Each structure stands twice: as structure tokens, then as C-alpha cells.
Protein backbone atom coordinates (compact mmCIF):
# COMPACT_ATOMS: atom_id res chain seq x y z
CA MET A 1 -13.63 -17.98 77.09
CA ARG A 2 -9.97 -18.83 76.78
CA ASN A 3 -8.99 -15.43 78.38
CA LEU A 4 -11.26 -16.11 81.30
CA ILE A 5 -9.68 -19.46 81.88
CA LEU A 6 -6.18 -17.93 81.63
CA LEU A 7 -7.14 -15.19 83.99
CA ALA A 8 -8.46 -17.68 86.47
CA ALA A 9 -5.30 -19.81 86.22
CA TYR A 10 -3.03 -16.68 86.69
CA THR A 11 -5.09 -15.64 89.73
CA ALA A 12 -4.88 -19.10 91.28
CA ILE A 13 -1.08 -19.31 90.68
CA ALA A 14 -0.50 -15.79 92.10
CA THR A 15 -2.67 -16.75 95.10
CA LEU A 16 -0.62 -19.90 95.82
CA ARG A 17 2.74 -18.33 95.18
CA PRO A 18 4.53 -17.56 98.52
CA GLY A 19 5.41 -13.93 98.91
CA PRO A 20 6.12 -11.14 101.37
CA ALA A 21 3.88 -10.39 104.37
CA GLN A 22 2.05 -8.04 102.11
CA ALA A 23 0.77 -9.93 99.13
CA ALA A 24 0.15 -8.50 95.71
CA ASP A 25 -3.30 -7.66 94.39
CA THR A 26 -3.82 -10.99 92.55
CA ALA A 27 -6.51 -9.57 90.28
CA ALA A 28 -4.27 -6.68 89.17
CA VAL A 29 -1.36 -9.13 88.60
CA ALA A 30 -3.56 -11.31 86.37
CA ARG A 31 -4.80 -8.27 84.36
CA ILE A 32 -1.33 -6.96 83.85
CA HIS A 33 -0.14 -10.39 82.60
CA HIS A 34 -2.87 -10.25 79.97
CA GLY A 35 -2.23 -6.60 79.01
CA ILE A 36 -5.87 -5.81 79.86
CA VAL A 37 -5.43 -2.78 82.15
CA ASP A 38 -2.90 -0.16 83.40
CA GLY A 39 -1.62 -0.63 86.99
CA VAL A 40 -1.86 2.86 88.46
CA ALA A 41 -1.31 2.59 92.29
CA CYS A 42 -1.73 -1.17 92.10
CA ASP A 43 0.04 -3.47 94.55
CA PHE A 44 2.41 -5.77 92.72
CA SER A 45 4.61 -6.47 95.80
CA GLY A 46 6.11 -9.92 95.57
CA ALA A 47 4.40 -10.80 92.35
CA ASN A 48 5.92 -12.79 89.52
CA LEU A 49 5.91 -10.31 86.56
CA MET A 50 8.70 -12.13 84.72
CA ASN A 51 8.39 -11.54 80.84
CA THR A 52 5.33 -9.31 81.35
CA CYS A 53 5.00 -6.73 78.61
CA VAL A 54 4.08 -3.43 80.06
CA LYS A 55 4.88 -1.17 77.06
CA GLU A 56 2.58 1.85 76.94
CA HIS A 57 1.01 0.97 80.33
CA ASP A 58 0.66 3.57 83.07
CA LEU A 59 2.21 2.13 86.26
CA HIS A 60 2.90 5.20 88.24
CA ASP A 61 2.59 4.85 92.01
CA ALA A 62 2.51 1.05 91.71
CA ASN A 63 4.17 -1.02 94.46
CA PHE A 64 6.83 -3.35 93.05
CA ASP A 65 8.56 -4.30 96.48
CA GLY A 66 9.93 -7.78 96.13
CA ALA A 67 8.45 -8.36 92.72
CA ASP A 68 10.26 -10.45 90.15
CA ALA A 69 10.35 -7.98 87.21
CA THR A 70 12.99 -9.95 85.20
CA LEU A 71 12.67 -8.97 81.45
CA MET A 72 9.70 -6.93 82.19
């Protein structure tokens, strides 16, 4: 239950966060924040991915244009 609440919160925050003309896939951003899924060919453009652990995740062909990947 807690994971679903956090996922909903991250999705809401990602939706409200201003970004580039092409917005990130909010569901993919929420999933990667929780370490739930790989991000193959996902659109993370303009997303806040700060402090997101992606060790051992497959992110090939993902779009990170304008994303904040500080300490990622």
C-alpha cells in the first residue's frame, strides 16, 4: 500500500513539475524512482532523477534530454 501511495505521489509531482515542451513519461519516472523497472527506450526528458539509483538497470535508448541526473 505504501508503495502505491509513493508511486502516486511521484507521479503527481512529476506531472506538476514544469519541463521542456516534450514532457517525460511520468509513469516511467515514478517506476525508476522506486527501482521497479528498467527504462529501455523510456522518455525521461526534463525529469527530476536526482539521487535515483539505477545500478544494474537497463536504460539503453532512453531519452534524458534536459533531465536532472545529479548523483544518479
